[in-house]
Amino acid sequence: MSDHHTSIVSEKTNPADSKELAEKVISFLAEKKIIKKELSDCVLGSNGHKPAENFASILEKQNEGFLDLTTNGVEVVTERKVFENGGNGLEQVNCPKCGQNQIEEDWGSALGNWYEKSDSDLIKCSNCLSDSSITEFNFEPDWAFGDFGLIFWNWGIFKSEFFIELEKVIGTELKIIYGKV
């Protein structure tokens, strides 16, 4: 069986504020009894926060058997990460200026440079010749770039109101990325 994930990402968070923001969001979700505050082995590759008694209040539809799964927690990311669809294909990498698909161009170097914070993360569009950061390109399916995010493992379909509420708590617009591994 595949594990599905929903990543909720703030692309505008200052990296220096990520850990403090994580504490604020964890406290908010724990106070609403959406997640448990203590860490446990419930996400892939690290510890996360298990669902608490009010977890269903943020869902339109929960995944069947969700609570019985080993991987059913919330992973909190406080370091630079590319949030993507789990390696399930990439169809387009479109220039933010002209919309031309650049998937066949060498955008991988810019991606690595962004992640490592080294050299330039700029890509020159082969169509309009403008330089743009890899983070400005439009990926299909969506990708997000940030230093803060929440990854909900196998929860289901979220209510849009939950994303709006989190934007108020976090203080930035959020990008939602869906994937599976």
N, C-alpha and C. Protein backbone atom coordinates (compact mmCIF):
# COMPACT_ATOMS: atom_id res chain seq x y z
N MET A 1 0.84 -1.19 0.00
CA MET A 1 0.00 0.00 0.00
C MET A 1 0.88 1.25 0.00
N SER A 2 0.47 2.25 -0.71
CA SER A 2 1.19 3.52 -0.78
C SER A 2 0.84 4.39 0.42
N ASP A 3 1.79 5.24 0.79
CA ASP A 3 1.54 6.25 1.80
C ASP A 3 1.32 7.58 1.08
N HIS A 4 0.20 8.23 1.37
CA HIS A 4 -0.12 9.52 0.77
C HIS A 4 0.26 10.63 1.75
N HIS A 5 0.67 11.76 1.20
CA HIS A 5 1.01 12.88 2.08
C HIS A 5 0.48 14.19 1.51
N THR A 6 0.14 15.07 2.44
CA THR A 6 -0.25 16.43 2.10
C THR A 6 0.73 17.35 2.81
N SER A 7 1.50 18.10 2.03
CA SER A 7 2.46 19.04 2.59
C SER A 7 1.86 20.43 2.56
N ILE A 8 1.93 21.10 3.69
CA ILE A 8 1.45 22.47 3.83
C ILE A 8 2.69 23.32 4.06
N VAL A 9 3.01 24.19 3.10
CA VAL A 9 4.32 24.84 3.07
C VAL A 9 4.19 26.36 3.06
N SER A 10 5.01 26.99 3.91
CA SER A 10 5.18 28.44 3.85
C SER A 10 6.47 28.70 3.09
N GLU A 11 6.36 29.23 1.88
CA GLU A 11 7.55 29.53 1.09
C GLU A 11 8.18 30.86 1.50
N LYS A 12 7.51 31.61 2.36
CA LYS A 12 7.97 32.95 2.72
C LYS A 12 8.53 33.04 4.14
N THR A 13 8.65 31.93 4.84
CA THR A 13 9.15 31.95 6.21
C THR A 13 10.64 32.24 6.23
N ASN A 14 11.05 33.12 7.12
CA ASN A 14 12.46 33.38 7.34
C ASN A 14 13.08 32.14 7.98
N PRO A 15 14.16 31.59 7.41
CA PRO A 15 14.76 30.37 7.98
C PRO A 15 15.10 30.49 9.46
N ALA A 16 15.48 31.68 9.91
CA ALA A 16 15.83 31.88 11.31
C ALA A 16 14.62 31.74 12.23
N ASP A 17 13.41 31.86 11.68
CA ASP A 17 12.18 31.78 12.48
C ASP A 17 11.50 30.42 12.43
N SER A 18 12.04 29.47 11.67
CA SER A 18 11.37 28.19 11.43
C SER A 18 11.09 27.40 12.70
N LYS A 19 12.07 27.28 13.58
CA LYS A 19 11.89 26.47 14.79
C LYS A 19 10.87 27.10 15.74
N GLU A 20 10.93 28.42 15.89
CA GLU A 20 9.95 29.13 16.73
C GLU A 20 8.54 29.00 16.15
N LEU A 21 8.43 29.11 14.84
CA LEU A 21 7.15 28.96 14.17
C LEU A 21 6.61 27.54 14.35
N ALA A 22 7.50 26.56 14.28
CA ALA A 22 7.09 25.16 14.48
C ALA A 22 6.48 24.97 15.86
N GLU A 23 7.12 25.53 16.88
CA GLU A 23 6.59 25.43 18.24
C GLU A 23 5.20 26.07 18.34
N LYS A 24 5.04 27.22 17.70
CA LYS A 24 3.75 27.92 17.71
C LYS A 24 2.66 27.07 17.05
N VAL A 25 2.96 26.49 15.89
CA VAL A 25 1.97 25.70 15.16
C VAL A 25 1.66 24.39 15.88
N ILE A 26 2.68 23.74 16.43
CA ILE A 26 2.46 22.51 17.20
C ILE A 26 1.56 22.81 18.40
N SER A 27 1.84 23.89 19.10
CA SER A 27 1.00 24.27 20.25
C SER A 27 -0.43 24.53 19.81
N PHE A 28 -0.61 25.25 18.71
CA PHE A 28 -1.94 25.55 18.19
C PHE A 28 -2.70 24.26 17.88
N LEU A 29 -2.07 23.35 17.14
CA LEU A 29 -2.72 22.09 16.76
C LEU A 29 -2.97 21.19 17.96
N ALA A 30 -2.06 21.21 18.93
CA ALA A 30 -2.22 20.38 20.13
C ALA A 30 -3.34 20.94 21.02
N GLU A 31 -3.43 22.26 21.15
CA GLU A 31 -4.49 22.88 21.94
C GLU A 31 -5.87 22.56 21.37
N LYS A 32 -5.97 22.48 20.06
CA LYS A 32 -7.23 22.13 19.40
C LYS A 32 -7.45 20.61 19.37
N LYS A 33 -6.49 19.87 19.93
CA LYS A 33 -6.53 18.40 19.99
C LYS A 33 -6.61 17.77 18.60
N ILE A 34 -5.90 18.39 17.66
CA ILE A 34 -5.78 17.83 16.32
C ILE A 34 -4.60 16.87 16.26
N ILE A 35 -3.51 17.24 16.95
CA ILE A 35 -2.35 16.35 17.08
C ILE A 35 -1.96 16.25 18.54
N LYS A 36 -1.19 15.21 18.84
CA LYS A 36 -0.61 15.08 20.18
C LYS A 36 0.71 15.83 20.19
N LYS A 37 1.00 16.48 21.30
CA LYS A 37 2.19 17.32 21.38
C LYS A 37 3.48 16.49 21.41
N GLU A 38 3.43 15.32 22.06
CA GLU A 38 4.65 14.51 22.17
C GLU A 38 4.97 13.81 20.85
N LEU A 39 6.26 13.63 20.62
CA LEU A 39 6.73 12.97 19.40
C LEU A 39 6.65 11.47 19.53
N SER A 40 6.41 10.81 18.39
CA SER A 40 6.39 9.34 18.35
C SER A 40 6.77 8.88 16.94
N ASP A 41 6.94 7.60 16.77
CA ASP A 41 7.32 7.00 15.49
C ASP A 41 6.06 6.82 14.64
N CYS A 42 5.64 7.88 13.93
CA CYS A 42 4.39 7.82 13.16
C CYS A 42 4.49 8.46 11.78
N VAL A 43 5.72 8.82 11.37
CA VAL A 43 5.95 9.35 10.02
C VAL A 43 7.14 8.62 9.43
N LEU A 44 7.38 8.80 8.15
CA LEU A 44 8.48 8.10 7.50
C LEU A 44 9.82 8.77 7.80
N GLY A 45 10.75 8.00 8.35
CA GLY A 45 12.12 8.47 8.51
C GLY A 45 12.42 9.34 9.71
N SER A 46 11.44 9.74 10.48
CA SER A 46 11.70 10.57 11.65
C SER A 46 10.50 10.45 12.60
N ASN A 47 10.53 11.23 13.65
CA ASN A 47 9.40 11.24 14.57
C ASN A 47 8.42 12.35 14.19
N GLY A 48 7.17 12.13 14.55
CA GLY A 48 6.14 13.12 14.25
C GLY A 48 5.09 13.14 15.34
N HIS A 49 4.00 13.79 15.05
CA HIS A 49 2.92 13.96 16.02
C HIS A 49 1.72 13.13 15.57
N LYS A 50 1.28 12.23 16.44
CA LYS A 50 0.13 11.37 16.14
C LYS A 50 -1.16 12.21 16.16
N PRO A 51 -2.18 11.75 15.47
CA PRO A 51 -3.47 12.45 15.53
C PRO A 51 -4.07 12.36 16.94
N ALA A 52 -4.73 13.43 17.34
CA ALA A 52 -5.42 13.46 18.64
C ALA A 52 -6.93 13.34 18.39
N GLU A 53 -7.71 13.44 19.46
CA GLU A 53 -9.14 13.12 19.37
C GLU A 53 -9.96 14.01 18.43
N ASN A 54 -9.52 15.24 18.14
CA ASN A 54 -10.28 16.12 17.24
C ASN A 54 -9.71 16.19 15.82
N PHE A 55 -8.88 15.21 15.45
CA PHE A 55 -8.24 15.27 14.13
C PHE A 55 -9.26 15.38 13.00
N ALA A 56 -10.40 14.72 13.14
CA ALA A 56 -11.40 14.68 12.06
C ALA A 56 -12.04 16.05 11.82
N SER A 57 -11.91 16.98 12.76
CA SER A 57 -12.52 18.30 12.61
C SER A 57 -11.92 19.11 11.46
N ILE A 58 -10.74 18.74 10.98
CA ILE A 58 -10.10 19.48 9.90
C ILE A 58 -10.22 18.76 8.55
N LEU A 59 -10.92 17.62 8.54
CA LEU A 59 -10.99 16.80 7.34
C LEU A 59 -12.38 16.80 6.70
N GLU A 60 -12.41 16.88 5.38
CA GLU A 60 -13.64 16.63 4.63
C GLU A 60 -13.92 15.13 4.64
N LYS A 61 -12.85 14.36 4.44
CA LYS A 61 -12.96 12.91 4.38
C LYS A 61 -11.64 12.31 4.83
N GLN A 62 -11.71 11.43 5.83
CA GLN A 62 -10.49 10.78 6.30
C GLN A 62 -10.25 9.50 5.51
N ASN A 63 -8.98 9.15 5.37
CA ASN A 63 -8.63 7.89 4.70
C ASN A 63 -9.13 6.72 5.53
N GLU A 64 -9.69 5.74 4.86
CA GLU A 64 -10.20 4.55 5.54
C GLU A 64 -9.06 3.82 6.25
N GLY A 65 -9.28 3.44 7.49
CA GLY A 65 -8.28 2.72 8.27
C GLY A 65 -7.12 3.59 8.72
N PHE A 66 -7.26 4.90 8.61
CA PHE A 66 -6.21 5.87 8.92
C PHE A 66 -5.59 5.66 10.31
N LEU A 67 -6.41 5.50 11.32
CA LEU A 67 -5.88 5.38 12.68
C LEU A 67 -5.14 4.07 12.92
N ASP A 68 -5.37 3.07 12.09
CA ASP A 68 -4.69 1.78 12.23
C ASP A 68 -3.34 1.74 11.52
N LEU A 69 -3.04 2.76 10.74
CA LEU A 69 -1.78 2.78 10.00
C LEU A 69 -0.61 3.15 10.90
N THR A 70 0.55 2.60 10.61
CA THR A 70 1.77 2.96 11.32
C THR A 70 2.19 4.38 10.97
N THR A 71 2.03 4.74 9.71
CA THR A 71 2.40 6.08 9.23
C THR A 71 1.13 6.92 9.14
N ASN A 72 0.86 7.69 10.20
CA ASN A 72 -0.36 8.50 10.23
C ASN A 72 -0.19 9.80 11.01
N GLY A 73 1.03 10.28 11.08
CA GLY A 73 1.28 11.47 11.88
C GLY A 73 1.55 12.72 11.06
N VAL A 74 1.99 13.74 11.77
CA VAL A 74 2.35 15.02 11.16
C VAL A 74 3.85 15.23 11.37
N GLU A 75 4.55 15.39 10.27
CA GLU A 75 5.98 15.67 10.28
C GLU A 75 6.16 17.18 10.19
N VAL A 76 6.98 17.74 11.06
CA VAL A 76 7.23 19.18 11.05
C VAL A 76 8.63 19.41 10.48
N VAL A 77 8.71 20.17 9.40
CA VAL A 77 9.98 20.43 8.72
C VAL A 77 10.42 21.86 9.05
N THR A 78 11.64 22.00 9.58
CA THR A 78 12.16 23.32 9.94
C THR A 78 13.52 23.59 9.29
N GLU A 79 13.76 22.97 8.17
CA GLU A 79 14.98 23.23 7.42
C GLU A 79 14.65 23.24 5.94
N ARG A 80 15.57 23.73 5.15
CA ARG A 80 15.35 23.87 3.71
C ARG A 80 14.96 22.54 3.08
N LYS A 81 13.86 22.58 2.31
CA LYS A 81 13.35 21.35 1.70
C LYS A 81 12.59 21.69 0.42
N VAL A 82 12.71 20.78 -0.53
CA VAL A 82 11.86 20.82 -1.72
C VAL A 82 10.70 19.88 -1.43
N PHE A 83 9.50 20.42 -1.35
CA PHE A 83 8.30 19.64 -1.08
C PHE A 83 7.71 19.26 -2.44
N GLU A 84 7.70 17.97 -2.75
CA GLU A 84 7.25 17.53 -4.06
C GLU A 84 6.30 16.36 -3.93
N ASN A 85 5.92 15.77 -5.05
CA ASN A 85 4.85 14.78 -5.06
C ASN A 85 5.30 13.35 -4.80
N GLY A 86 6.49 13.17 -4.28
CA GLY A 86 6.95 11.83 -3.94
C GLY A 86 7.58 11.08 -5.09
N GLY A 87 8.06 11.80 -6.09
CA GLY A 87 8.70 11.16 -7.22
C GLY A 87 7.74 10.52 -8.20
N ASN A 88 6.51 11.01 -8.24
CA ASN A 88 5.49 10.43 -9.11
C ASN A 88 5.33 11.18 -10.42
N GLY A 89 6.43 11.61 -10.96
CA GLY A 89 6.41 12.25 -12.26
C GLY A 89 6.36 13.76 -12.19
N LEU A 90 7.00 14.36 -13.14
CA LEU A 90 7.01 15.81 -13.28
C LEU A 90 6.73 16.08 -14.75
N GLU A 91 5.68 16.81 -15.01
CA GLU A 91 5.26 17.05 -16.39
C GLU A 91 5.80 18.34 -16.97
N GLN A 92 5.85 19.39 -16.13
CA GLN A 92 6.27 20.69 -16.64
C GLN A 92 7.04 21.47 -15.59
N VAL A 93 7.99 22.27 -16.06
CA VAL A 93 8.71 23.25 -15.26
C VAL A 93 8.64 24.53 -16.08
N ASN A 94 7.61 25.34 -15.82
CA ASN A 94 7.28 26.48 -16.68
C ASN A 94 7.92 27.78 -16.20
N CYS A 95 8.47 28.52 -17.16
CA CYS A 95 9.08 29.82 -16.90
C CYS A 95 8.03 30.75 -16.29
N PRO A 96 8.39 31.46 -15.20
CA PRO A 96 7.43 32.37 -14.59
C PRO A 96 7.16 33.62 -15.43
N LYS A 97 8.02 33.91 -16.40
CA LYS A 97 7.86 35.11 -17.22
C LYS A 97 7.03 34.84 -18.48
N CYS A 98 7.35 33.75 -19.21
CA CYS A 98 6.67 33.51 -20.49
C CYS A 98 5.84 32.23 -20.51
N GLY A 99 5.96 31.38 -19.48
CA GLY A 99 5.17 30.16 -19.41
C GLY A 99 5.73 28.98 -20.19
N GLN A 100 6.85 29.16 -20.87
CA GLN A 100 7.45 28.09 -21.68
C GLN A 100 7.94 26.95 -20.77
N ASN A 101 7.63 25.72 -21.16
CA ASN A 101 8.06 24.54 -20.41
C ASN A 101 9.57 24.36 -20.55
N GLN A 102 10.28 24.30 -19.43
CA GLN A 102 11.73 24.17 -19.41
C GLN A 102 12.18 22.82 -18.87
N ILE A 103 11.29 21.83 -18.89
CA ILE A 103 11.62 20.53 -18.30
C ILE A 103 12.82 19.87 -18.97
N GLU A 104 13.04 20.15 -20.23
CA GLU A 104 14.17 19.54 -20.96
C GLU A 104 15.48 20.30 -20.74
N GLU A 105 15.41 21.45 -20.09
CA GLU A 105 16.61 22.27 -19.85
C GLU A 105 17.31 21.80 -18.58
N ASP A 106 18.48 22.36 -18.30
CA ASP A 106 19.26 21.97 -17.11
C ASP A 106 18.84 22.80 -15.90
N TRP A 107 17.71 22.45 -15.33
CA TRP A 107 17.24 23.14 -14.12
C TRP A 107 17.68 22.41 -12.86
N GLY A 108 18.21 21.20 -12.99
CA GLY A 108 18.66 20.42 -11.83
C GLY A 108 19.79 21.08 -11.07
N SER A 109 20.71 21.75 -11.76
CA SER A 109 21.82 22.44 -11.09
C SER A 109 21.30 23.57 -10.23
N ALA A 110 20.35 24.33 -10.77
CA ALA A 110 19.76 25.44 -10.00
C ALA A 110 19.03 24.91 -8.77
N LEU A 111 18.38 23.76 -8.92
CA LEU A 111 17.68 23.14 -7.79
C LEU A 111 18.68 22.76 -6.69
N GLY A 112 19.77 22.12 -7.08
CA GLY A 112 20.81 21.76 -6.12
C GLY A 112 21.43 22.97 -5.45
N ASN A 113 21.67 24.02 -6.23
CA ASN A 113 22.24 25.25 -5.68
C ASN A 113 21.30 25.90 -4.67
N TRP A 114 19.99 25.90 -4.96
CA TRP A 114 19.03 26.46 -4.01
C TRP A 114 19.07 25.67 -2.71
N TYR A 115 19.04 24.36 -2.83
CA TYR A 115 19.01 23.51 -1.65
C TYR A 115 20.26 23.68 -0.80
N GLU A 116 21.41 23.75 -1.45
CA GLU A 116 22.70 23.87 -0.74
C GLU A 116 23.05 25.32 -0.39
N LYS A 117 22.25 26.27 -0.84
CA LYS A 117 22.51 27.70 -0.65
C LYS A 117 23.88 28.08 -1.22
N SER A 118 24.23 27.51 -2.36
CA SER A 118 25.51 27.79 -2.99
C SER A 118 25.28 28.25 -4.43
N ASP A 119 26.20 29.01 -4.94
CA ASP A 119 26.12 29.50 -6.32
C ASP A 119 24.75 30.11 -6.61
N SER A 120 24.39 30.13 -7.84
CA SER A 120 23.15 30.76 -8.26
C SER A 120 22.06 29.72 -8.47
N ASP A 121 20.85 30.07 -8.04
CA ASP A 121 19.70 29.19 -8.30
C ASP A 121 18.90 29.70 -9.50
N LEU A 122 19.53 30.53 -10.33
CA LEU A 122 18.85 31.10 -11.49
C LEU A 122 18.89 30.16 -12.68
N ILE A 123 17.80 30.19 -13.45
CA ILE A 123 17.69 29.46 -14.70
C ILE A 123 17.40 30.48 -15.79
N LYS A 124 18.11 30.38 -16.90
CA LYS A 124 17.82 31.24 -18.05
C LYS A 124 16.83 30.50 -18.95
N CYS A 125 15.69 31.09 -19.16
CA CYS A 125 14.66 30.49 -20.02
C CYS A 125 15.17 30.43 -21.46
N SER A 126 15.04 29.27 -22.07
CA SER A 126 15.49 29.10 -23.46
C SER A 126 14.58 29.82 -24.45
N ASN A 127 13.41 30.26 -24.00
CA ASN A 127 12.46 30.95 -24.88
C ASN A 127 12.59 32.48 -24.78
N CYS A 128 12.41 33.02 -23.58
CA CYS A 128 12.42 34.49 -23.42
C CYS A 128 13.76 35.03 -22.92
N LEU A 129 14.68 34.12 -22.57
CA LEU A 129 16.04 34.44 -22.13
C LEU A 129 16.11 35.20 -20.82
N SER A 130 15.03 35.25 -20.06
CA SER A 130 15.07 35.91 -18.75
C SER A 130 15.58 34.94 -17.70
N ASP A 131 16.26 35.49 -16.69
CA ASP A 131 16.76 34.70 -15.56
C ASP A 131 15.75 34.76 -14.43
N SER A 132 15.44 33.59 -13.86
CA SER A 132 14.52 33.51 -12.71
C SER A 132 15.03 32.44 -11.76
N SER A 133 14.76 32.63 -10.49
CA SER A 133 15.09 31.62 -9.49
C SER A 133 14.28 30.36 -9.74
N ILE A 134 14.87 29.22 -9.46
CA ILE A 134 14.16 27.94 -9.58
C ILE A 134 12.87 27.97 -8.77
N THR A 135 12.85 28.72 -7.66
CA THR A 135 11.67 28.77 -6.79
C THR A 135 10.51 29.53 -7.43
N GLU A 136 10.77 30.30 -8.48
CA GLU A 136 9.73 31.07 -9.15
C GLU A 136 9.07 30.29 -10.28
N PHE A 137 9.70 29.20 -10.72
CA PHE A 137 9.13 28.41 -11.81
C PHE A 137 7.88 27.68 -11.34
N ASN A 138 6.98 27.42 -12.28
CA ASN A 138 5.73 26.73 -11.98
C ASN A 138 5.86 25.26 -12.34
N PHE A 139 5.87 24.42 -11.33
CA PHE A 139 6.01 22.98 -11.52
C PHE A 139 4.63 22.34 -11.62
N GLU A 140 4.51 21.35 -12.51
CA GLU A 140 3.28 20.55 -12.62
C GLU A 140 3.66 19.09 -12.59
N PRO A 141 3.15 18.32 -11.62
CA PRO A 141 2.39 18.75 -10.45
C PRO A 141 3.20 19.72 -9.58
N ASP A 142 2.48 20.44 -8.73
CA ASP A 142 3.07 21.48 -7.89
C ASP A 142 4.21 20.98 -7.03
N TRP A 143 5.21 21.83 -6.89
CA TRP A 143 6.28 21.69 -5.92
C TRP A 143 6.29 22.97 -5.10
N ALA A 144 6.89 22.91 -3.91
CA ALA A 144 7.07 24.10 -3.08
C ALA A 144 8.48 24.08 -2.52
N PHE A 145 9.00 25.26 -2.24
CA PHE A 145 10.35 25.42 -1.72
C PHE A 145 10.27 26.21 -0.43
N GLY A 146 10.80 25.68 0.65
CA GLY A 146 10.71 26.43 1.89
C GLY A 146 11.54 25.88 3.02
N ASP A 147 11.54 26.63 4.10
CA ASP A 147 12.25 26.27 5.33
C ASP A 147 11.28 25.91 6.44
N PHE A 148 9.99 25.88 6.13
CA PHE A 148 8.99 25.46 7.11
C PHE A 148 7.82 24.79 6.40
N GLY A 149 7.44 23.64 6.92
CA GLY A 149 6.28 22.96 6.37
C GLY A 149 5.78 21.87 7.30
N LEU A 150 4.56 21.46 7.06
CA LEU A 150 3.93 20.36 7.79
C LEU A 150 3.58 19.29 6.76
N ILE A 151 3.93 18.05 7.06
CA ILE A 151 3.58 16.95 6.17
C ILE A 151 2.63 16.02 6.92
N PHE A 152 1.39 15.97 6.46
CA PHE A 152 0.36 15.11 7.05
C PHE A 152 0.36 13.80 6.28
N TRP A 153 0.66 12.70 6.98
CA TRP A 153 0.77 11.39 6.35
C TRP A 153 -0.54 10.62 6.44
N ASN A 154 -1.15 10.36 5.29
CA ASN A 154 -2.32 9.48 5.15
C ASN A 154 -3.60 10.01 5.80
N TRP A 155 -3.73 11.29 6.01
CA TRP A 155 -4.89 11.83 6.72
C TRP A 155 -6.15 11.83 5.88
N GLY A 156 -6.07 12.19 4.62
CA GLY A 156 -7.27 12.26 3.78
C GLY A 156 -7.41 13.62 3.13
N ILE A 157 -8.66 14.03 2.93
CA ILE A 157 -8.96 15.30 2.27
C ILE A 157 -9.28 16.35 3.33
N PHE A 158 -8.55 17.47 3.27
CA PHE A 158 -8.70 18.52 4.28
C PHE A 158 -9.78 19.52 3.91
N LYS A 159 -10.38 20.12 4.92
CA LYS A 159 -11.30 21.23 4.72
C LYS A 159 -10.48 22.46 4.34
N SER A 160 -10.96 23.24 3.40
CA SER A 160 -10.23 24.44 2.98
C SER A 160 -10.12 25.45 4.13
N GLU A 161 -11.10 25.43 5.03
CA GLU A 161 -11.06 26.34 6.18
C GLU A 161 -9.83 26.09 7.05
N PHE A 162 -9.37 24.85 7.09
CA PHE A 162 -8.19 24.52 7.89
C PHE A 162 -6.96 25.24 7.33
N PHE A 163 -6.81 25.26 6.01
CA PHE A 163 -5.67 25.94 5.40
C PHE A 163 -5.73 27.44 5.67
N ILE A 164 -6.92 28.01 5.62
CA ILE A 164 -7.10 29.44 5.89
C ILE A 164 -6.73 29.75 7.34
N GLU A 165 -7.17 28.90 8.25
CA GLU A 165 -6.85 29.08 9.67
C GLU A 165 -5.35 28.99 9.90
N LEU A 166 -4.69 28.03 9.26
CA LEU A 166 -3.24 27.90 9.41
C LEU A 166 -2.50 29.10 8.83
N GLU A 167 -2.99 29.66 7.74
CA GLU A 167 -2.36 30.86 7.19
C GLU A 167 -2.37 32.00 8.20
N LYS A 168 -3.46 32.12 8.95
CA LYS A 168 -3.54 33.16 9.98
C LYS A 168 -2.54 32.90 11.10
N VAL A 169 -2.41 31.65 11.52
CA VAL A 169 -1.48 31.29 12.59
C VAL A 169 -0.04 31.50 12.14
N ILE A 170 0.28 31.06 10.93
CA ILE A 170 1.65 31.13 10.42
C ILE A 170 2.00 32.53 9.95
N GLY A 171 1.02 33.25 9.42
CA GLY A 171 1.25 34.63 9.00
C GLY A 171 1.74 34.78 7.57
N THR A 172 1.67 33.71 6.78
CA THR A 172 2.03 33.79 5.36
C THR A 172 1.04 32.95 4.56
N GLU A 173 1.03 33.21 3.27
CA GLU A 173 0.27 32.36 2.35
C GLU A 173 0.90 30.97 2.35
N LEU A 174 0.08 29.95 2.17
CA LEU A 174 0.57 28.57 2.18
C LEU A 174 0.37 27.92 0.82
N LYS A 175 1.25 26.99 0.51
CA LYS A 175 1.14 26.21 -0.72
C LYS A 175 0.90 24.76 -0.31
N ILE A 176 -0.04 24.11 -0.96
CA ILE A 176 -0.42 22.73 -0.63
C ILE A 176 0.09 21.81 -1.72
N ILE A 177 0.83 20.77 -1.30
CA ILE A 177 1.42 19.81 -2.23
C ILE A 177 0.92 18.42 -1.86
N TYR A 178 0.43 17.69 -2.85
CA TYR A 178 -0.08 16.33 -2.63
C TYR A 178 0.87 15.33 -3.27
N GLY A 179 1.07 14.20 -2.58
CA GLY A 179 1.94 13.18 -3.15
C GLY A 179 1.74 11.84 -2.50
N LYS A 180 2.49 10.86 -3.00
CA LYS A 180 2.49 9.52 -2.40
C LYS A 180 3.84 8.87 -2.64
N VAL A 181 4.18 7.98 -1.73
CA VAL A 181 5.43 7.21 -1.85
C VAL A 181 5.12 5.74 -1.68
